[in-house]
Amino acid sequence: MRKSIVIIFISLVPFLSFGGGSHFPVEITDFKQSQESFNLIAKVHVVFNYDSSNCSVIELTGEYDKQRWKNHTKLINKSIHLKSLELLQKAYTDKAVINLGFLGGGFFKTGHCSYNSKGLFHYENGVYSIYGSI
């Protein structure tokens, strides 16, 4: 298990440095899930640094795109995506602050303060969204 975590971390670091990525503390104020699909509303606790929208509340919808991530199963797969959704659900239920992040083009803008995701993965400091191919 420990070896797997080290391998995932080592494989993740280059993506964060070259593809861009960040996370920010949020409070999930609404959360809905249907199998691999989800919709959440999050109150951002800092300046939202993904784009220049300066949103204080964001909406993120998404689903796991098996075809898109078929060559990256160590970083993201259905099981990892579902575990990430569990973490978001727990933060929502517990009214806890959780770090929500992105990797590369992790949030695809669909409207003002609305974004789409094609998969989620988690790491010790939060849950991350991926949209574009890595």
Protein backbone atom coordinates (compact mmCIF):
# COMPACT_ATOMS: atom_id res chain seq x y z
CA MET A 1 0.00 0.00 0.00
CA ARG A 2 2.73 2.44 0.97
CA LYS A 3 4.61 1.67 -2.24
CA SER A 4 1.46 2.42 -4.28
CA ILE A 5 1.05 5.80 -2.60
CA VAL A 6 4.69 6.68 -3.32
CA ILE A 7 4.29 5.65 -6.98
CA ILE A 8 1.11 7.72 -7.34
CA PHE A 9 2.78 10.73 -5.72
CA ILE A 10 5.87 10.45 -7.93
CA SER A 11 3.72 10.15 -11.04
CA LEU A 12 1.57 13.11 -9.93
CA VAL A 13 4.36 15.63 -9.26
CA PRO A 14 5.33 16.15 -12.92
CA PHE A 15 1.69 16.76 -13.87
CA LEU A 16 1.31 19.39 -11.16
CA SER A 17 4.47 21.20 -12.20
CA PHE A 18 4.03 21.05 -15.99
CA GLY A 19 0.26 20.90 -16.36
CA GLY A 20 -0.50 23.37 -13.63
CA GLY A 21 -2.57 22.59 -10.63
CA SER A 22 -3.68 23.97 -7.34
CA HIS A 23 -6.22 23.49 -4.59
CA PHE A 24 -8.23 25.74 -2.31
CA PRO A 25 -10.35 25.21 0.79
CA VAL A 26 -14.09 24.94 0.18
CA GLU A 27 -17.24 24.09 2.07
CA ILE A 28 -19.58 21.84 0.08
CA THR A 29 -23.03 23.41 0.47
CA ASP A 30 -24.89 21.00 -1.84
CA PHE A 31 -23.93 17.57 -3.15
CA LYS A 32 -25.75 15.13 -5.41
CA GLN A 33 -24.42 11.87 -6.80
CA SER A 34 -25.82 9.28 -9.18
CA GLN A 35 -23.33 6.44 -9.60
CA GLU A 36 -20.25 8.08 -11.21
CA SER A 37 -21.95 11.42 -11.96
CA PHE A 38 -22.06 14.28 -9.49
CA ASN A 39 -23.07 17.88 -8.96
CA LEU A 40 -21.81 20.04 -6.13
CA ILE A 41 -21.97 23.62 -4.99
CA ALA A 42 -18.95 24.84 -3.03
CA LYS A 43 -18.34 28.01 -1.06
CA VAL A 44 -14.73 29.01 -1.71
CA HIS A 45 -12.86 30.14 1.43
CA VAL A 46 -10.09 32.03 -0.41
CA VAL A 47 -9.72 33.89 -3.70
CA PHE A 48 -10.73 31.45 -6.44
CA ASN A 49 -7.52 31.24 -8.47
CA TYR A 50 -8.58 29.01 -11.37
CA ASP A 51 -9.63 31.83 -13.67
CA SER A 52 -10.29 35.54 -13.31
CA SER A 53 -13.93 35.07 -12.27
CA ASN A 54 -13.29 35.72 -8.54
CA CYS A 55 -16.20 33.40 -7.68
CA SER A 56 -17.05 32.98 -4.02
CA VAL A 57 -19.32 30.04 -4.85
CA ILE A 58 -18.72 27.53 -7.65
CA GLU A 59 -20.77 24.74 -9.19
CA LEU A 60 -18.94 21.63 -10.37
CA THR A 61 -20.65 18.86 -12.31
CA GLY A 62 -19.01 15.83 -13.73
CA GLU A 63 -18.64 12.14 -14.30
CA TYR A 64 -15.90 9.57 -14.68
CA ASP A 65 -14.85 9.29 -18.33
CA LYS A 66 -13.48 5.74 -18.59
CA GLN A 67 -12.35 6.13 -22.20
CA ARG A 68 -10.45 9.36 -21.54
CA TRP A 69 -8.46 7.91 -18.63
CA LYS A 70 -7.88 4.35 -19.88
CA ASN A 71 -4.11 4.95 -20.16
CA HIS A 72 -3.81 6.66 -16.74
CA THR A 73 -5.39 4.10 -14.42
CA LYS A 74 -2.73 4.45 -11.70
CA LEU A 75 -3.69 8.11 -11.26
CA ILE A 76 -7.42 7.91 -11.99
CA ASN A 77 -9.82 5.02 -12.41
CA LYS A 78 -13.43 4.29 -11.47
CA SER A 79 -12.51 3.16 -7.96
CA ILE A 80 -10.40 6.27 -7.28
CA HIS A 81 -13.14 8.51 -8.71
CA LEU A 82 -15.79 6.88 -6.49
CA LYS A 83 -13.56 7.17 -3.38
CA SER A 84 -13.08 10.87 -4.20
CA LEU A 85 -16.87 11.26 -4.35
CA GLU A 86 -17.11 9.58 -0.93
CA LEU A 87 -14.68 12.14 0.49
CA LEU A 88 -16.72 15.02 -0.96
CA GLN A 89 -19.94 13.48 0.38
CA LYS A 90 -18.38 13.12 3.84
CA ALA A 91 -17.22 16.76 3.81
CA TYR A 92 -20.75 17.79 2.81
CA THR A 93 -22.41 15.66 5.51
CA ASP A 94 -19.94 16.75 8.21
CA LYS A 95 -20.07 20.41 7.07
CA ALA A 96 -16.28 20.23 6.98
CA VAL A 97 -13.87 22.27 4.90
CA ILE A 98 -12.06 20.21 2.26
CA ASN A 99 -9.44 21.15 -0.31
CA LEU A 100 -10.80 21.03 -3.85
CA GLY A 101 -8.28 21.24 -6.63
CA PHE A 102 -7.56 20.85 -10.29
CA LEU A 103 -4.85 19.39 -12.45
CA GLY A 104 -4.11 20.98 -15.79
CA GLY A 105 -7.45 21.90 -17.32
CA GLY A 106 -9.27 20.31 -14.39
CA PHE A 107 -12.29 22.58 -14.53
CA PHE A 108 -13.93 23.16 -17.91
CA LYS A 109 -15.86 26.41 -17.72
CA THR A 110 -19.52 25.98 -18.69
CA GLY A 111 -20.86 29.30 -17.39
CA HIS A 112 -20.13 32.01 -14.85
CA CYS A 113 -18.77 30.13 -11.80
CA SER A 114 -19.91 26.80 -13.31
CA TYR A 115 -17.45 24.08 -14.32
CA ASN A 116 -17.35 20.49 -15.56
CA SER A 117 -15.06 17.61 -14.62
CA LYS A 118 -14.27 14.34 -16.40
CA GLY A 119 -12.88 12.61 -13.34
CA LEU A 120 -11.75 13.01 -9.74
CA PHE A 121 -8.82 11.69 -7.79
CA HIS A 122 -7.79 12.26 -4.20
CA TYR A 123 -4.55 12.82 -2.44
CA GLU A 124 -3.79 13.50 1.21
CA ASN A 125 -4.45 17.22 0.85
CA GLY A 126 -7.74 17.07 -1.06
CA VAL A 127 -9.82 16.01 -4.05
CA TYR A 128 -8.72 17.03 -7.54
CA SER A 129 -10.62 17.38 -10.79
CA ILE A 130 -9.25 16.50 -14.22
CA TYR A 131 -10.92 17.44 -17.47
CA GLY A 132 -8.40 17.45 -20.31
CA SER A 133 -6.20 14.57 -21.28
CA ILE A 134 -2.85 14.25 -19.49
